[in-house]
Amino acid sequence: MDQDQQTSASAVALADPSTEHAVRRALADHGRLTVDAWDVASIADLYALGLTSHATVNVMLAVENELDVEFPDSVLTRSTFATVESIVQAAGLAA
């Protein structure tokens, strides 16, 4: 892949900032993380930072409520909620 193709692929993969903001707000309010959700790297392991299965449900519901979406059953897996990035991607599928 040449440099132009890499740049184009990266541009397509960028998340909607409002979706990421909604995810981080949900994590801050419901994630029970050991660190500030606003400072977490988008690829950091949220489970290693304190996210539990119970908190995951609350995060999902908060994201659905704020964005007025519903996560499809096909994405309701542990890996979907493992990182900010993966939650944002799943929320994009739900839109």
C-alpha atoms as a PDB file:
ATOM      1  CA  MET A   1       0.000   0.000   0.000  1.00  0.00           C
ATOM      2  CA  ASP A   2       1.487   3.359  -0.938  1.00  0.00           C
ATOM      3  CA  GLN A   3       1.453   6.484   1.256  1.00  0.00           C
ATOM      4  CA  ASP A   4      -1.660   7.981  -0.409  1.00  0.00           C
ATOM      5  CA  GLN A   5      -3.636   4.792   0.148  1.00  0.00           C
ATOM      6  CA  GLN A   6      -2.540   4.660   3.805  1.00  0.00           C
ATOM      7  CA  THR A   7      -3.639   8.246   4.335  1.00  0.00           C
ATOM      8  CA  SER A   8      -7.001   7.611   2.696  1.00  0.00           C
ATOM      9  CA  ALA A   9      -7.577   4.452   4.727  1.00  0.00           C
ATOM     10  CA  SER A  10      -6.733   6.329   7.920  1.00  0.00           C
ATOM     11  CA  ALA A  11      -9.099   9.154   7.092  1.00  0.00           C
ATOM     12  CA  VAL A  12     -11.962   6.727   6.573  1.00  0.00           C
ATOM     13  CA  ALA A  13     -11.249   4.986   9.895  1.00  0.00           C
ATOM     14  CA  LEU A  14     -11.423   8.166  11.982  1.00  0.00           C
ATOM     15  CA  ALA A  15     -14.338   8.220  14.403  1.00  0.00           C
ATOM     16  CA  ASP A  16     -17.029  10.827  14.611  1.00  0.00           C
ATOM     17  CA  PRO A  17     -15.850  13.035  17.496  1.00  0.00           C
ATOM     18  CA  SER A  18     -19.362  13.234  18.948  1.00  0.00           C
ATOM     19  CA  THR A  19     -19.555   9.426  19.086  1.00  0.00           C
ATOM     20  CA  GLU A  20     -16.212   9.184  20.854  1.00  0.00           C
ATOM     21  CA  HIS A  21     -17.317  11.925  23.250  1.00  0.00           C
ATOM     22  CA  ALA A  22     -20.500   9.973  24.059  1.00  0.00           C
ATOM     23  CA  VAL A  23     -18.473   6.798  24.668  1.00  0.00           C
ATOM     24  CA  ARG A  24     -16.002   8.570  26.947  1.00  0.00           C
ATOM     25  CA  ARG A  25     -18.820  10.269  28.860  1.00  0.00           C
ATOM     26  CA  ALA A  26     -20.522   6.884  29.360  1.00  0.00           C
ATOM     27  CA  LEU A  27     -17.243   5.379  30.544  1.00  0.00           C
ATOM     28  CA  ALA A  28     -16.651   8.298  32.908  1.00  0.00           C
ATOM     29  CA  ASP A  29     -20.162   8.038  34.346  1.00  0.00           C
ATOM     30  CA  HIS A  30     -20.634   4.248  34.396  1.00  0.00           C
ATOM     31  CA  GLY A  31     -17.365   2.463  33.618  1.00  0.00           C
ATOM     32  CA  ARG A  32     -15.891   2.459  37.131  1.00  0.00           C
ATOM     33  CA  LEU A  33     -12.440   2.749  35.630  1.00  0.00           C
ATOM     34  CA  THR A  34      -9.377   3.188  37.838  1.00  0.00           C
ATOM     35  CA  VAL A  35      -8.288   6.129  35.648  1.00  0.00           C
ATOM     36  CA  ASP A  36     -10.023   9.124  34.110  1.00  0.00           C
ATOM     37  CA  ALA A  37     -11.972   7.982  31.026  1.00  0.00           C
ATOM     38  CA  TRP A  38     -11.106  11.219  29.262  1.00  0.00           C
ATOM     39  CA  ASP A  39      -7.376  10.394  29.489  1.00  0.00           C
ATOM     40  CA  VAL A  40      -7.552   6.760  28.342  1.00  0.00           C
ATOM     41  CA  ALA A  41      -5.849   5.957  25.046  1.00  0.00           C
ATOM     42  CA  SER A  42      -8.411   4.895  22.464  1.00  0.00           C
ATOM     43  CA  ILE A  43      -6.785   1.442  22.192  1.00  0.00           C
ATOM     44  CA  ALA A  44      -6.189   0.862  25.926  1.00  0.00           C
ATOM     45  CA  ASP A  45      -7.671  -2.317  27.438  1.00  0.00           C
ATOM     46  CA  LEU A  46     -10.679  -1.069  29.399  1.00  0.00           C
ATOM     47  CA  TYR A  47     -11.022  -4.350  31.285  1.00  0.00           C
ATOM     48  CA  ALA A  48      -7.449  -3.969  32.561  1.00  0.00           C
ATOM     49  CA  LEU A  49      -8.468  -0.481  33.731  1.00  0.00           C
ATOM     50  CA  GLY A  50     -11.360  -1.775  35.835  1.00  0.00           C
ATOM     51  CA  LEU A  51     -14.299  -2.206  33.467  1.00  0.00           C
ATOM     52  CA  THR A  52     -16.527  -5.094  34.583  1.00  0.00           C
ATOM     53  CA  SER A  53     -19.261  -6.955  32.752  1.00  0.00           C
ATOM     54  CA  HIS A  54     -21.888  -5.174  34.846  1.00  0.00           C
ATOM     55  CA  ALA A  55     -20.370  -1.764  34.106  1.00  0.00           C
ATOM     56  CA  THR A  56     -20.206  -2.704  30.414  1.00  0.00           C
ATOM     57  CA  VAL A  57     -23.988  -3.047  30.302  1.00  0.00           C
ATOM     58  CA  ASN A  58     -24.402   0.391  31.880  1.00  0.00           C
ATOM     59  CA  VAL A  59     -21.897   1.922  29.458  1.00  0.00           C
ATOM     60  CA  MET A  60     -23.695   0.357  26.506  1.00  0.00           C
ATOM     61  CA  LEU A  61     -27.086   1.620  27.675  1.00  0.00           C
ATOM     62  CA  ALA A  62     -25.713   5.128  28.237  1.00  0.00           C
ATOM     63  CA  VAL A  63     -24.149   5.227  24.752  1.00  0.00           C
ATOM     64  CA  GLU A  64     -27.361   3.936  23.175  1.00  0.00           C
ATOM     65  CA  ASN A  65     -29.383   6.543  25.043  1.00  0.00           C
ATOM     66  CA  GLU A  66     -27.109   9.470  24.214  1.00  0.00           C
ATOM     67  CA  LEU A  67     -26.708   8.592  20.534  1.00  0.00           C
ATOM     68  CA  ASP A  68     -30.251   7.252  20.079  1.00  0.00           C
ATOM     69  CA  VAL A  69     -28.969   3.977  18.645  1.00  0.00           C
ATOM     70  CA  GLU A  70     -29.214   0.302  19.515  1.00  0.00           C
ATOM     71  CA  PHE A  71     -26.191  -1.980  19.387  1.00  0.00           C
ATOM     72  CA  PRO A  72     -26.957  -4.979  17.157  1.00  0.00           C
ATOM     73  CA  ASP A  73     -26.862  -8.354  18.891  1.00  0.00           C
ATOM     74  CA  SER A  74     -23.982  -9.375  16.641  1.00  0.00           C
ATOM     75  CA  VAL A  75     -21.627  -6.897  18.369  1.00  0.00           C
ATOM     76  CA  LEU A  76     -22.574  -7.665  21.958  1.00  0.00           C
ATOM     77  CA  THR A  77     -19.277  -9.324  22.815  1.00  0.00           C
ATOM     78  CA  ARG A  78     -16.544  -8.683  25.334  1.00  0.00           C
ATOM     79  CA  SER A  79     -14.168  -7.583  22.568  1.00  0.00           C
ATOM     80  CA  THR A  80     -16.595  -4.876  21.419  1.00  0.00           C
ATOM     81  CA  PHE A  81     -16.261  -3.158  24.786  1.00  0.00           C
ATOM     82  CA  ALA A  82     -12.532  -3.769  25.262  1.00  0.00           C
ATOM     83  CA  THR A  83     -11.404  -0.338  23.993  1.00  0.00           C
ATOM     84  CA  VAL A  84     -12.806   3.106  23.360  1.00  0.00           C
ATOM     85  CA  GLU A  85     -12.060   2.576  19.680  1.00  0.00           C
ATOM     86  CA  SER A  86     -14.019  -0.691  19.476  1.00  0.00           C
ATOM     87  CA  ILE A  87     -17.029   0.803  21.271  1.00  0.00           C
ATOM     88  CA  VAL A  88     -17.011   3.780  18.899  1.00  0.00           C
ATOM     89  CA  GLN A  89     -16.882   1.438  15.902  1.00  0.00           C
ATOM     90  CA  ALA A  90     -19.780  -0.625  17.250  1.00  0.00           C
ATOM     91  CA  ALA A  91     -21.809   2.519  17.903  1.00  0.00           C
ATOM     92  CA  GLY A  92     -21.205   3.482  14.281  1.00  0.00           C
ATOM     93  CA  LEU A  93     -22.684   0.162  13.178  1.00  0.00           C
ATOM     94  CA  ALA A  94     -25.671   0.781  15.420  1.00  0.00           C
ATOM     95  CA  ALA A  95     -26.444   4.150  13.849  1.00  0.00           C
END
